[in-house]
C-alpha atoms as a PDB file:
ATOM      1  CA  MET A   1       9.441  -4.146   6.589  1.00  0.00           C
ATOM      2  CA  PHE A   2      12.793  -2.794   5.391  1.00  0.00           C
ATOM      3  CA  TRP A   3      14.424  -2.325   8.782  1.00  0.00           C
ATOM      4  CA  ALA A   4      13.177  -5.703  10.010  1.00  0.00           C
ATOM      5  CA  ARG A   5      14.850  -7.276   6.959  1.00  0.00           C
ATOM      6  CA  VAL A   6      18.125  -5.436   7.635  1.00  0.00           C
ATOM      7  CA  GLU A   7      18.132  -6.670  11.219  1.00  0.00           C
ATOM      8  CA  ARG A   8      17.106 -10.230  10.364  1.00  0.00           C
ATOM      9  CA  SER A   9      19.403 -10.748   7.346  1.00  0.00           C
ATOM     10  CA  ALA A  10      22.268  -8.345   8.087  1.00  0.00           C
ATOM     11  CA  GLY A  11      25.108 -10.492   6.707  1.00  0.00           C
ATOM     12  CA  ALA A  12      23.196 -11.958   3.767  1.00  0.00           C
ATOM     13  CA  PRO A  13      23.582 -10.552   0.230  1.00  0.00           C
ATOM     14  CA  ALA A  14      20.975  -7.975  -0.781  1.00  0.00           C
ATOM     15  CA  GLN A  15      22.060  -6.159  -3.962  1.00  0.00           C
ATOM     16  CA  MET A  16      24.354  -6.883  -6.911  1.00  0.00           C
ATOM     17  CA  VAL A  17      25.812  -4.073  -9.004  1.00  0.00           C
ATOM     18  CA  LYS A  18      28.264  -4.269 -11.892  1.00  0.00           C
ATOM     19  CA  ARG A  19      31.240  -1.946 -11.464  1.00  0.00           C
ATOM     20  CA  ALA A  20      34.552  -1.901 -13.373  1.00  0.00           C
ATOM     21  CA  GLY A  21      33.615  -5.053 -15.253  1.00  0.00           C
ATOM     22  CA  GLY A  22      32.724  -7.155 -12.205  1.00  0.00           C
ATOM     23  CA  TRP A  23      29.723  -7.765 -10.003  1.00  0.00           C
ATOM     24  CA  GLU A  24      29.866  -6.261  -6.512  1.00  0.00           C
ATOM     25  CA  THR A  25      27.570  -7.638  -3.806  1.00  0.00           C
ATOM     26  CA  LEU A  26      26.167  -5.508  -0.967  1.00  0.00           C
ATOM     27  CA  THR A  27      24.831  -7.118   2.199  1.00  0.00           C
ATOM     28  CA  TRP A  28      21.623  -6.066   3.900  1.00  0.00           C
ATOM     29  CA  ALA A  29      23.735  -4.377   6.590  1.00  0.00           C
ATOM     30  CA  GLN A  30      25.566  -2.314   3.941  1.00  0.00           C
ATOM     31  CA  VAL A  31      22.321  -1.332   2.238  1.00  0.00           C
ATOM     32  CA  GLY A  32      20.904  -0.439   5.656  1.00  0.00           C
ATOM     33  CA  ASP A  33      23.914   1.791   6.388  1.00  0.00           C
ATOM     34  CA  ALA A  34      23.404   3.640   3.103  1.00  0.00           C
ATOM     35  CA  VAL A  35      19.675   4.111   3.718  1.00  0.00           C
ATOM     36  CA  ARG A  36      20.242   5.272   7.317  1.00  0.00           C
ATOM     37  CA  GLU A  37      22.860   7.854   6.311  1.00  0.00           C
ATOM     38  CA  LEU A  38      20.697   9.164   3.476  1.00  0.00           C
ATOM     39  CA  ALA A  39      17.627   9.413   5.723  1.00  0.00           C
ATOM     40  CA  LEU A  40      19.659  11.240   8.391  1.00  0.00           C
ATOM     41  CA  GLY A  41      20.984  13.527   5.646  1.00  0.00           C
ATOM     42  CA  LEU A  42      17.428  14.378   4.593  1.00  0.00           C
ATOM     43  CA  LEU A  43      16.566  15.243   8.202  1.00  0.00           C
ATOM     44  CA  ALA A  44      19.713  17.366   8.473  1.00  0.00           C
ATOM     45  CA  ARG A  45      18.620  19.258   5.353  1.00  0.00           C
ATOM     46  CA  GLY A  46      15.315  20.067   7.002  1.00  0.00           C
ATOM     47  CA  ARG A  47      12.971  17.609   5.372  1.00  0.00           C
ATOM     48  CA  GLN A  48       9.763  17.232   7.370  1.00  0.00           C
ATOM     49  CA  PRO A  49       7.285  14.334   7.583  1.00  0.00           C
ATOM     50  CA  GLY A  50       5.038  14.418   4.541  1.00  0.00           C
ATOM     51  CA  ASP A  51       7.510  16.345   2.379  1.00  0.00           C
ATOM     52  CA  ALA A  52       7.634  15.089  -1.200  1.00  0.00           C
ATOM     53  CA  VAL A  53      11.026  14.063  -2.595  1.00  0.00           C
ATOM     54  CA  ALA A  54      11.221  13.449  -6.355  1.00  0.00           C
ATOM     55  CA  LEU A  55      13.493  10.722  -7.713  1.00  0.00           C
ATOM     56  CA  LEU A  56      14.742  11.128 -11.303  1.00  0.00           C
ATOM     57  CA  SER A  57      16.979   8.219 -12.284  1.00  0.00           C
ATOM     58  CA  ALA A  58      17.278   5.037 -14.266  1.00  0.00           C
ATOM     59  CA  SER A  59      16.917   1.784 -12.317  1.00  0.00           C
ATOM     60  CA  ARG A  60      19.940   1.218 -10.094  1.00  0.00           C
ATOM     61  CA  ALA A  61      20.793   0.197  -6.534  1.00  0.00           C
ATOM     62  CA  GLU A  62      20.860   3.826  -5.374  1.00  0.00           C
ATOM     63  CA  TRP A  63      17.259   4.285  -6.563  1.00  0.00           C
ATOM     64  CA  VAL A  64      16.069   1.664  -4.078  1.00  0.00           C
ATOM     65  CA  GLN A  65      18.337   3.026  -1.335  1.00  0.00           C
ATOM     66  CA  ALA A  66      16.990   6.547  -1.880  1.00  0.00           C
ATOM     67  CA  ASP A  67      13.410   5.265  -1.902  1.00  0.00           C
ATOM     68  CA  PHE A  68      13.711   3.612   1.519  1.00  0.00           C
ATOM     69  CA  ALA A  69      15.600   6.622   2.895  1.00  0.00           C
ATOM     70  CA  ILE A  70      12.771   8.909   1.800  1.00  0.00           C
ATOM     71  CA  LEU A  71      10.156   6.611   3.329  1.00  0.00           C
ATOM     72  CA  SER A  72      12.169   6.199   6.542  1.00  0.00           C
ATOM     73  CA  ALA A  73      12.330   9.982   6.928  1.00  0.00           C
ATOM     74  CA  GLY A  74       8.525  10.022   6.809  1.00  0.00           C
ATOM     75  CA  CYS A  75       8.593  11.678   3.399  1.00  0.00           C
ATOM     76  CA  VAL A  76       6.835  10.800   0.143  1.00  0.00           C
ATOM     77  CA  THR A  77       8.655   9.332  -2.878  1.00  0.00           C
ATOM     78  CA  VAL A  78       7.723  10.851  -6.250  1.00  0.00           C
ATOM     79  CA  PRO A  79       9.209   8.661  -9.026  1.00  0.00           C
ATOM     80  CA  VAL A  80      10.041  10.460 -12.287  1.00  0.00           C
ATOM     81  CA  TYR A  81      10.957   8.737 -15.557  1.00  0.00           C
ATOM     82  CA  PRO A  82      14.492   9.654 -16.696  1.00  0.00           C
ATOM     83  CA  THR A  83      13.194  10.020 -20.258  1.00  0.00           C
ATOM     84  CA  TYR A  84      10.928  12.944 -19.326  1.00  0.00           C
ATOM     85  CA  THR A  85      11.687  16.408 -20.666  1.00  0.00           C
ATOM     86  CA  ALA A  86      12.658  19.278 -18.405  1.00  0.00           C
ATOM     87  CA  ALA A  87       9.174  20.754 -18.710  1.00  0.00           C
ATOM     88  CA  GLN A  88       7.528  17.454 -17.716  1.00  0.00           C
ATOM     89  CA  ILE A  89       9.873  17.104 -14.733  1.00  0.00           C
ATOM     90  CA  ALA A  90       9.121  20.650 -13.563  1.00  0.00           C
ATOM     91  CA  ALA A  91       5.375  20.054 -13.887  1.00  0.00           C
ATOM     92  CA  ILE A  92       5.552  16.912 -11.700  1.00  0.00           C
ATOM     93  CA  VAL A  93       7.853  18.528  -9.128  1.00  0.00           C
ATOM     94  CA  ASN A  94       5.467  21.473  -8.813  1.00  0.00           C
ATOM     95  CA  ASP A  95       2.279  19.406  -8.761  1.00  0.00           C
ATOM     96  CA  ALA A  96       3.669  17.183  -5.992  1.00  0.00           C
ATOM     97  CA  GLY A  97       5.127  20.167  -4.140  1.00  0.00           C
ATOM     98  CA  ALA A  98       8.510  18.399  -3.970  1.00  0.00           C
ATOM     99  CA  ARG A  99      11.017  19.938  -1.565  1.00  0.00           C
ATOM    100  CA  ALA A 100      13.972  17.909  -2.839  1.00  0.00           C
ATOM    101  CA  LEU A 101      14.914  16.283  -6.138  1.00  0.00           C
ATOM    102  CA  ILE A 102      17.378  13.399  -6.454  1.00  0.00           C
ATOM    103  CA  VAL A 103      18.822  13.095  -9.980  1.00  0.00           C
ATOM    104  CA  GLU A 104      21.014  10.354 -11.426  1.00  0.00           C
ATOM    105  CA  ASP A 105      23.849  12.287 -13.039  1.00  0.00           C
ATOM    106  CA  ARG A 106      25.096  15.508 -14.573  1.00  0.00           C
ATOM    107  CA  ARG A 107      22.966  14.951 -17.686  1.00  0.00           C
ATOM    108  CA  GLN A 108      19.750  14.901 -15.675  1.00  0.00           C
ATOM    109  CA  LEU A 109      20.973  17.848 -13.598  1.00  0.00           C
ATOM    110  CA  ALA A 110      21.508  19.830 -16.797  1.00  0.00           C
ATOM    111  CA  LYS A 111      17.844  19.243 -17.675  1.00  0.00           C
ATOM    112  CA  VAL A 112      16.428  20.721 -14.476  1.00  0.00           C
ATOM    113  CA  LEU A 113      18.819  23.572 -13.616  1.00  0.00           C
ATOM    114  CA  PRO A 114      17.584  25.935 -16.388  1.00  0.00           C
ATOM    115  CA  LEU A 115      14.016  25.561 -15.034  1.00  0.00           C
ATOM    116  CA  ARG A 116      14.983  25.970 -11.383  1.00  0.00           C
ATOM    117  CA  GLU A 117      13.093  29.268 -11.030  1.00  0.00           C
ATOM    118  CA  ARG A 118       9.933  27.534 -12.232  1.00  0.00           C
ATOM    119  CA  MET A 119      10.127  25.138  -9.243  1.00  0.00           C
ATOM    120  CA  PRO A 120       9.888  27.590  -6.316  1.00  0.00           C
ATOM    121  CA  ARG A 121       9.278  25.011  -3.573  1.00  0.00           C
ATOM    122  CA  LEU A 122      12.342  22.969  -4.490  1.00  0.00           C
ATOM    123  CA  ALA A 123      14.969  23.469  -1.772  1.00  0.00           C
ATOM    124  CA  GLU A 124      17.759  21.192  -2.992  1.00  0.00           C
ATOM    125  CA  ILE A 125      18.947  18.811  -5.679  1.00  0.00           C
ATOM    126  CA  VAL A 126      21.027  15.710  -4.910  1.00  0.00           C
ATOM    127  CA  VAL A 127      23.185  14.167  -7.667  1.00  0.00           C
ATOM    128  CA  ILE A 128      23.919  10.426  -7.404  1.00  0.00           C
ATOM    129  CA  ASP A 129      26.846  10.354  -9.881  1.00  0.00           C
ATOM    130  CA  GLY A 130      29.131  13.070 -11.196  1.00  0.00           C
ATOM    131  CA  ASP A 131      30.141  16.672 -10.612  1.00  0.00           C
ATOM    132  CA  VAL A 132      27.631  18.967  -8.879  1.00  0.00           C
ATOM    133  CA  GLY A 133      29.130  22.352  -9.752  1.00  0.00           C
ATOM    134  CA  HIS A 134      29.185  25.315  -7.372  1.00  0.00           C
ATOM    135  CA  ASP A 135      25.484  25.868  -6.627  1.00  0.00           C
ATOM    136  CA  PRO A 136      25.139  25.573  -2.804  1.00  0.00           C
ATOM    137  CA  SER A 137      21.680  24.033  -3.176  1.00  0.00           C
ATOM    138  CA  VAL A 138      23.069  21.182  -5.318  1.00  0.00           C
ATOM    139  CA  LEU A 139      24.905  18.479  -3.374  1.00  0.00           C
ATOM    140  CA  SER A 140      26.327  15.094  -4.167  1.00  0.00           C
ATOM    141  CA  TRP A 141      25.108  11.699  -2.984  1.00  0.00           C
ATOM    142  CA  THR A 142      28.383  11.294  -1.076  1.00  0.00           C
ATOM    143  CA  THR A 143      27.919  14.663   0.637  1.00  0.00           C
ATOM    144  CA  LEU A 144      24.363  13.797   1.721  1.00  0.00           C
ATOM    145  CA  ARG A 145      25.569  10.496   3.224  1.00  0.00           C
ATOM    146  CA  GLN A 146      28.472  12.249   4.940  1.00  0.00           C
ATOM    147  CA  LEU A 147      26.093  14.839   6.389  1.00  0.00           C
ATOM    148  CA  GLY A 148      23.976  11.998   7.749  1.00  0.00           C
ATOM    149  CA  ARG A 149      27.010  10.392   9.403  1.00  0.00           C
ATOM    150  CA  GLU A 150      28.114  13.680  10.932  1.00  0.00           C
ATOM    151  CA  ARG A 151      24.677  14.409  12.406  1.00  0.00           C
ATOM    152  CA  GLU A 152      23.831  10.830  13.408  1.00  0.00           C
ATOM    153  CA  ARG A 153      24.258  11.275  17.161  1.00  0.00           C
ATOM    154  CA  GLU A 154      21.957  14.293  17.099  1.00  0.00           C
ATOM    155  CA  LEU A 155      19.344  12.936  14.676  1.00  0.00           C
ATOM    156  CA  GLN A 156      19.207   9.167  15.254  1.00  0.00           C
ATOM    157  CA  THR A 157      16.393   9.490  17.834  1.00  0.00           C
ATOM    158  CA  PRO A 158      14.251  11.786  15.633  1.00  0.00           C
ATOM    159  CA  LEU A 159      14.750   9.340  12.726  1.00  0.00           C
ATOM    160  CA  ALA A 160      13.754   6.359  14.885  1.00  0.00           C
ATOM    161  CA  ASP A 161      10.677   8.308  16.025  1.00  0.00           C
ATOM    162  CA  ARG A 162       9.656   8.997  12.429  1.00  0.00           C
ATOM    163  CA  ILE A 163      10.001   5.328  11.467  1.00  0.00           C
ATOM    164  CA  ALA A 164       8.034   4.220  14.542  1.00  0.00           C
ATOM    165  CA  SER A 165       5.269   6.752  13.929  1.00  0.00           C
ATOM    166  CA  LEU A 166       4.524   5.684  10.345  1.00  0.00           C
ATOM    167  CA  ARG A 167       1.110   4.071   9.812  1.00  0.00           C
ATOM    168  CA  SER A 168      -0.276   2.026   6.949  1.00  0.00           C
ATOM    169  CA  ASP A 169      -2.589   4.835   5.816  1.00  0.00           C
ATOM    170  CA  ASP A 170       0.263   7.380   5.572  1.00  0.00           C
ATOM    171  CA  VAL A 171       1.066   8.430   2.018  1.00  0.00           C
ATOM    172  CA  ALA A 172       4.213   6.730   0.693  1.00  0.00           C
ATOM    173  CA  THR A 173       4.160   7.579  -3.004  1.00  0.00           C
ATOM    174  CA  ILE A 174       2.710   9.852  -5.631  1.00  0.00           C
ATOM    175  CA  ALA A 175       3.195   7.984  -8.914  1.00  0.00           C
ATOM    176  CA  TYR A 176       2.528  10.038 -12.027  1.00  0.00           C
ATOM    177  CA  THR A 177       0.953   8.173 -14.906  1.00  0.00           C
ATOM    178  CA  SER A 178       0.959   9.220 -18.547  1.00  0.00           C
ATOM    179  CA  GLY A 179      -1.918   6.824 -19.255  1.00  0.00           C
ATOM    180  CA  THR A 180      -4.456   9.644 -19.143  1.00  0.00           C
ATOM    181  CA  THR A 181      -5.361  12.633 -21.278  1.00  0.00           C
ATOM    182  CA  GLY A 182      -3.652  15.954 -20.624  1.00  0.00           C
ATOM    183  CA  GLU A 183      -0.945  16.319 -17.999  1.00  0.00           C
ATOM    184  CA  PRO A 184       0.160  13.209 -16.055  1.00  0.00           C
ATOM    185  CA  LYS A 185      -2.001  12.562 -12.996  1.00  0.00           C
ATOM    186  CA  GLY A 186      -0.512  11.781  -9.605  1.00  0.00           C
ATOM    187  CA  VAL A 187      -1.748   8.477  -8.162  1.00  0.00           C
ATOM    188  CA  VAL A 188      -1.546   8.580  -4.368  1.00  0.00           C
ATOM    189  CA  GLN A 189      -0.385   5.319  -2.785  1.00  0.00           C
ATOM    190  CA  THR A 190      -0.047   4.594   0.930  1.00  0.00           C
ATOM    191  CA  HIS A 191       2.353   2.324   2.801  1.00  0.00           C
ATOM    192  CA  GLY A 192      -0.639   0.017   3.252  1.00  0.00           C
ATOM    193  CA  ASN A 193      -1.236  -0.092  -0.508  1.00  0.00           C
ATOM    194  CA  HIS A 194       2.314  -1.310  -1.122  1.00  0.00           C
ATOM    195  CA  LEU A 195       2.165  -3.870   1.694  1.00  0.00           C
ATOM    196  CA  ALA A 196      -1.212  -5.204   0.499  1.00  0.00           C
ATOM    197  CA  THR A 197       0.225  -5.789  -2.956  1.00  0.00           C
ATOM    198  CA  LEU A 198       3.129  -7.732  -1.453  1.00  0.00           C
ATOM    199  CA  THR A 199       0.711  -9.797   0.633  1.00  0.00           C
ATOM    200  CA  SER A 200      -1.233 -10.617  -2.529  1.00  0.00           C
ATOM    201  CA  LEU A 201       1.961 -12.081  -4.023  1.00  0.00           C
ATOM    202  CA  SER A 202       2.483 -14.438  -1.100  1.00  0.00           C
ATOM    203  CA  GLY A 203       1.026 -17.291  -3.148  1.00  0.00           C
ATOM    204  CA  ILE A 204       3.816 -17.169  -5.744  1.00  0.00           C
ATOM    205  CA  ARG A 205       5.596 -20.527  -5.695  1.00  0.00           C
ATOM    206  CA  GLY A 206       9.268 -21.160  -6.310  1.00  0.00           C
ATOM    207  CA  VAL A 207      10.524 -17.846  -4.902  1.00  0.00           C
ATOM    208  CA  GLU A 208      12.755 -18.454  -1.889  1.00  0.00           C
ATOM    209  CA  PRO A 209      14.951 -16.260   0.347  1.00  0.00           C
ATOM    210  CA  GLY A 210      18.362 -15.836  -1.258  1.00  0.00           C
ATOM    211  CA  ASP A 211      17.045 -16.264  -4.803  1.00  0.00           C
ATOM    212  CA  VAL A 212      18.482 -13.865  -7.374  1.00  0.00           C
ATOM    213  CA  HIS A 213      16.324 -11.720  -9.628  1.00  0.00           C
ATOM    214  CA  LEU A 214      17.592  -9.391 -12.345  1.00  0.00           C
ATOM    215  CA  LEU A 215      15.825  -6.021 -12.263  1.00  0.00           C
ATOM    216  CA  PHE A 216      15.851  -4.129 -15.576  1.00  0.00           C
ATOM    217  CA  LEU A 217      12.427  -2.465 -15.813  1.00  0.00           C
ATOM    218  CA  PRO A 218      12.057   1.263 -14.943  1.00  0.00           C
ATOM    219  CA  LEU A 219      11.611   1.771 -11.185  1.00  0.00           C
ATOM    220  CA  ALA A 220       9.497   4.844 -11.906  1.00  0.00           C
ATOM    221  CA  HIS A 221       6.783   2.337 -12.869  1.00  0.00           C
ATOM    222  CA  SER A 222       4.842   0.596 -10.102  1.00  0.00           C
ATOM    223  CA  PHE A 223       5.544  -2.879 -11.488  1.00  0.00           C
ATOM    224  CA  ALA A 224       9.338  -2.609 -11.173  1.00  0.00           C
ATOM    225  CA  ARG A 225       8.965  -0.887  -7.820  1.00  0.00           C
ATOM    226  CA  LEU A 226       6.884  -3.841  -6.637  1.00  0.00           C
ATOM    227  CA  GLU A 227       9.750  -6.081  -7.755  1.00  0.00           C
ATOM    228  CA  ALA A 228      12.189  -4.064  -5.642  1.00  0.00           C
ATOM    229  CA  PHE A 229       9.837  -4.246  -2.656  1.00  0.00           C
ATOM    230  CA  LEU A 230       9.463  -7.999  -3.171  1.00  0.00           C
ATOM    231  CA  GLY A 231      13.227  -8.338  -2.822  1.00  0.00           C
ATOM    232  CA  VAL A 232      12.995  -6.828   0.660  1.00  0.00           C
ATOM    233  CA  HIS A 233       9.807  -8.675   1.589  1.00  0.00           C
ATOM    234  CA  ARG A 234      11.197 -12.126   0.631  1.00  0.00           C
ATOM    235  CA  GLY A 235      14.889 -11.551   1.390  1.00  0.00           C
ATOM    236  CA  LEU A 236      15.975 -11.888  -2.240  1.00  0.00           C
ATOM    237  CA  ILE A 237      19.161 -10.743  -3.960  1.00  0.00           C
ATOM    238  CA  THR A 238      18.334  -7.931  -6.379  1.00  0.00           C
ATOM    239  CA  ALA A 239      20.802  -7.661  -9.262  1.00  0.00           C
ATOM    240  CA  PHE A 240      20.523  -4.437 -11.270  1.00  0.00           C
ATOM    241  CA  ALA A 241      21.004  -4.816 -15.025  1.00  0.00           C
ATOM    242  CA  GLU A 242      23.542  -2.480 -16.602  1.00  0.00           C
ATOM    243  CA  SER A 243      21.093  -1.633 -19.399  1.00  0.00           C
ATOM    244  CA  LEU A 244      18.581  -3.280 -21.690  1.00  0.00           C
ATOM    245  CA  GLN A 245      21.329  -3.627 -24.306  1.00  0.00           C
ATOM    246  CA  ALA A 246      23.529  -5.510 -21.825  1.00  0.00           C
ATOM    247  CA  LEU A 247      20.673  -7.756 -20.674  1.00  0.00           C
ATOM    248  CA  PRO A 248      21.799 -10.911 -22.601  1.00  0.00           C
ATOM    249  CA  ASP A 249      25.255 -10.746 -20.992  1.00  0.00           C
ATOM    250  CA  ASP A 250      23.842  -9.851 -17.561  1.00  0.00           C
ATOM    251  CA  LEU A 251      21.545 -12.899 -17.640  1.00  0.00           C
ATOM    252  CA  VAL A 252      24.475 -15.237 -18.208  1.00  0.00           C
ATOM    253  CA  GLU A 253      26.645 -13.571 -15.555  1.00  0.00           C
ATOM    254  CA  VAL A 254      24.018 -13.100 -12.821  1.00  0.00           C
ATOM    255  CA  ARG A 255      22.206 -16.426 -13.406  1.00  0.00           C
ATOM    256  CA  PRO A 256      18.855 -15.221 -12.007  1.00  0.00           C
ATOM    257  CA  ASN A 257      16.270 -17.586 -10.566  1.00  0.00           C
ATOM    258  CA  PHE A 258      13.464 -15.455 -12.003  1.00  0.00           C
ATOM    259  CA  ILE A 259      12.787 -12.127 -13.714  1.00  0.00           C
ATOM    260  CA  PHE A 260       9.938  -9.630 -13.778  1.00  0.00           C
ATOM    261  CA  ALA A 261       9.134  -8.561 -17.328  1.00  0.00           C
ATOM    262  CA  VAL A 262       6.327  -7.093 -19.401  1.00  0.00           C
ATOM    263  CA  PRO A 263       4.789  -8.957 -22.370  1.00  0.00           C
ATOM    264  CA  ARG A 264       6.823  -7.046 -24.963  1.00  0.00           C
ATOM    265  CA  VAL A 265      10.080  -8.340 -23.460  1.00  0.00           C
ATOM    266  CA  PHE A 266       8.896 -11.955 -23.667  1.00  0.00           C
ATOM    267  CA  GLU A 267       7.657 -11.375 -27.220  1.00  0.00           C
ATOM    268  CA  LYS A 268      11.100 -10.105 -28.286  1.00  0.00           C
ATOM    269  CA  ILE A 269      12.823 -13.080 -26.649  1.00  0.00           C
ATOM    270  CA  HIS A 270      10.420 -15.472 -28.382  1.00  0.00           C
ATOM    271  CA  ALA A 271      10.977 -13.767 -31.733  1.00  0.00           C
ATOM    272  CA  ALA A 272      14.762 -14.012 -31.338  1.00  0.00           C
ATOM    273  CA  VAL A 273      14.570 -17.724 -30.472  1.00  0.00           C
ATOM    274  CA  MET A 274      12.276 -18.473 -33.412  1.00  0.00           C
ATOM    275  CA  ALA A 275      14.494 -16.515 -35.804  1.00  0.00           C
ATOM    276  CA  GLY A 276      17.394 -18.706 -34.721  1.00  0.00           C
ATOM    277  CA  VAL A 277      15.309 -21.831 -35.287  1.00  0.00           C
ATOM    278  CA  ASP A 278      14.221 -20.686 -38.740  1.00  0.00           C
ATOM    279  CA  ALA A 279      17.857 -20.110 -39.705  1.00  0.00           C
ATOM    280  CA  GLY A 280      18.804 -23.663 -38.690  1.00  0.00           C
ATOM    281  CA  THR A 281      18.967 -26.843 -40.722  1.00  0.00           C
ATOM    282  CA  PRO A 282      15.799 -28.838 -41.525  1.00  0.00           C
ATOM    283  CA  LEU A 283      16.895 -31.480 -38.999  1.00  0.00           C
ATOM    284  CA  ALA A 284      17.375 -28.834 -36.283  1.00  0.00           C
ATOM    285  CA  ARG A 285      13.939 -27.351 -37.021  1.00  0.00           C
ATOM    286  CA  ARG A 286      12.290 -30.786 -36.748  1.00  0.00           C
ATOM    287  CA  ALA A 287      14.121 -31.478 -33.463  1.00  0.00           C
ATOM    288  CA  PHE A 288      12.966 -28.128 -32.073  1.00  0.00           C
ATOM    289  CA  SER A 289       9.357 -28.725 -33.109  1.00  0.00           C
ATOM    290  CA  TRP A 290       9.371 -32.192 -31.526  1.00  0.00           C
ATOM    291  CA  ALA A 291      10.935 -30.865 -28.308  1.00  0.00           C
ATOM    292  CA  MET A 292       8.298 -28.131 -28.069  1.00  0.00           C
ATOM    293  CA  ARG A 293       5.487 -30.677 -28.399  1.00  0.00           C
ATOM    294  CA  VAL A 294       7.041 -32.747 -25.613  1.00  0.00           C
ATOM    295  CA  GLY A 295       7.473 -29.685 -23.416  1.00  0.00           C
ATOM    296  CA  TYR A 296       3.908 -28.504 -23.965  1.00  0.00           C
ATOM    297  CA  GLU A 297       2.537 -31.915 -23.053  1.00  0.00           C
ATOM    298  CA  ARG A 298       4.537 -32.166 -19.826  1.00  0.00           C
ATOM    299  CA  SER A 299       3.616 -28.580 -18.909  1.00  0.00           C
ATOM    300  CA  ARG A 300      -0.081 -29.249 -19.591  1.00  0.00           C
ATOM    301  CA  ARG A 301      -0.088 -32.301 -17.339  1.00  0.00           C
ATOM    302  CA  GLU A 302       1.783 -30.565 -14.527  1.00  0.00           C
ATOM    303  CA  ARG A 303      -0.527 -27.530 -14.578  1.00  0.00           C
ATOM    304  CA  ALA A 304      -3.555 -29.828 -14.516  1.00  0.00           C
ATOM    305  CA  ALA A 305      -2.011 -31.800 -11.604  1.00  0.00           C
ATOM    306  CA  GLU A 306      -2.097 -34.948 -13.731  1.00  0.00           C
ATOM    307  CA  PRO A 307       0.540 -37.706 -13.419  1.00  0.00           C
ATOM    308  CA  VAL A 308       3.415 -37.480 -15.908  1.00  0.00           C
ATOM    309  CA  PRO A 309       4.015 -40.879 -17.558  1.00  0.00           C
ATOM    310  CA  ARG A 310       7.528 -42.315 -17.339  1.00  0.00           C
ATOM    311  CA  ALA A 311       7.834 -42.340 -21.144  1.00  0.00           C
ATOM    312  CA  LEU A 312       7.028 -38.607 -21.256  1.00  0.00           C
ATOM    313  CA  VAL A 313       9.628 -37.912 -18.565  1.00  0.00           C
ATOM    314  CA  LEU A 314      12.206 -39.740 -20.667  1.00  0.00           C
ATOM    315  CA  ARG A 315      11.261 -37.817 -23.834  1.00  0.00           C
ATOM    316  CA  ASP A 316      11.453 -34.579 -21.857  1.00  0.00           C
ATOM    317  CA  ARG A 317      15.005 -35.385 -20.743  1.00  0.00           C
ATOM    318  CA  ILE A 318      16.005 -36.039 -24.345  1.00  0.00           C
ATOM    319  CA  ALA A 319      14.340 -32.768 -25.447  1.00  0.00           C
ATOM    320  CA  HIS A 320      16.245 -30.917 -22.739  1.00  0.00           C
ATOM    321  CA  ARG A 321      19.566 -32.387 -23.810  1.00  0.00           C
ATOM    322  CA  LEU A 322      19.002 -31.743 -27.518  1.00  0.00           C
ATOM    323  CA  VAL A 323      17.280 -28.346 -27.433  1.00  0.00           C
ATOM    324  CA  PHE A 324      16.299 -26.735 -24.169  1.00  0.00           C
ATOM    325  CA  SER A 325      19.673 -26.933 -22.404  1.00  0.00           C
ATOM    326  CA  ARG A 326      21.108 -24.402 -24.862  1.00  0.00           C
ATOM    327  CA  LEU A 327      18.192 -22.047 -24.299  1.00  0.00           C
ATOM    328  CA  ARG A 328      18.519 -22.436 -20.538  1.00  0.00           C
ATOM    329  CA  ARG A 329      22.251 -21.596 -20.663  1.00  0.00           C
ATOM    330  CA  ALA A 330      21.441 -18.375 -22.541  1.00  0.00           C
ATOM    331  CA  PHE A 331      19.397 -17.274 -19.515  1.00  0.00           C
ATOM    332  CA  GLY A 332      22.038 -18.257 -16.987  1.00  0.00           C
ATOM    333  CA  GLY A 333      20.902 -21.805 -16.304  1.00  0.00           C
ATOM    334  CA  ARG A 334      18.598 -21.196 -13.322  1.00  0.00           C
ATOM    335  CA  LEU A 335      15.699 -19.166 -14.734  1.00  0.00           C
END
């Protein structure tokens, strides 16, 4: 799915990342180059088909690139929440038998290095951002990509063979869930599991190739990972939020067509809107209440596939101009 998208949409935008105060856009070809070099780097470091590679990072473009590099190398992605303690990380790495661990930065590296002896199968650690120190088994993201470039002529055929040999019932992921008693349990997911979930979303309306979505949920969770996969499946532009705190500004700047979110996020947005309404003048509160009634009625009719009377359409336009246009601008104008 990934490599077909890279070939089909090479020059189209794929990822948006904020750097030095501005948004940088990567094309599918650029993302493909990163994934190819990383996958070749994993092969050069001796990773074999079926090897587990743990991924300890906040949600960012490199998370998705690493994920598809791991899968392309025929390995198994083991997502790890960046909030986990060193002991929890070591327990997951050992339970999955991970041979490599990709960490986001020096802070995450500092968590795992003191417990290195308790992870005997771990052969190497890759650091996405920051200094790696002098340990020969710790290498930077840049070094892994460079290694892949240097060994490409030698390893491009073995990599192509691994991609071609993958089957839907091959294991793609071991996702550890804390929603059980005792230690987190590893949920085994195949390539076919992920693809079936994407197929089940094919009925979603209003999502078109080239649409922008703003990803801010943790990619260690299957819901956000599905969102990242959907970006590849549908040819979307995935913008990565700087942080939850920066989300209001990111929404205005990125102007997403849609977002994935959990109920608590929508509840907090609703509470913030209603607090603003309550702080307004009596006239503003009455206008908001009237606009909501109009909006509910139009929504009810549209969901029931009933005709929308011309008078209701007119009232809806007035409600939009008076109330909803300001809300829409706060979310970028296209949500």
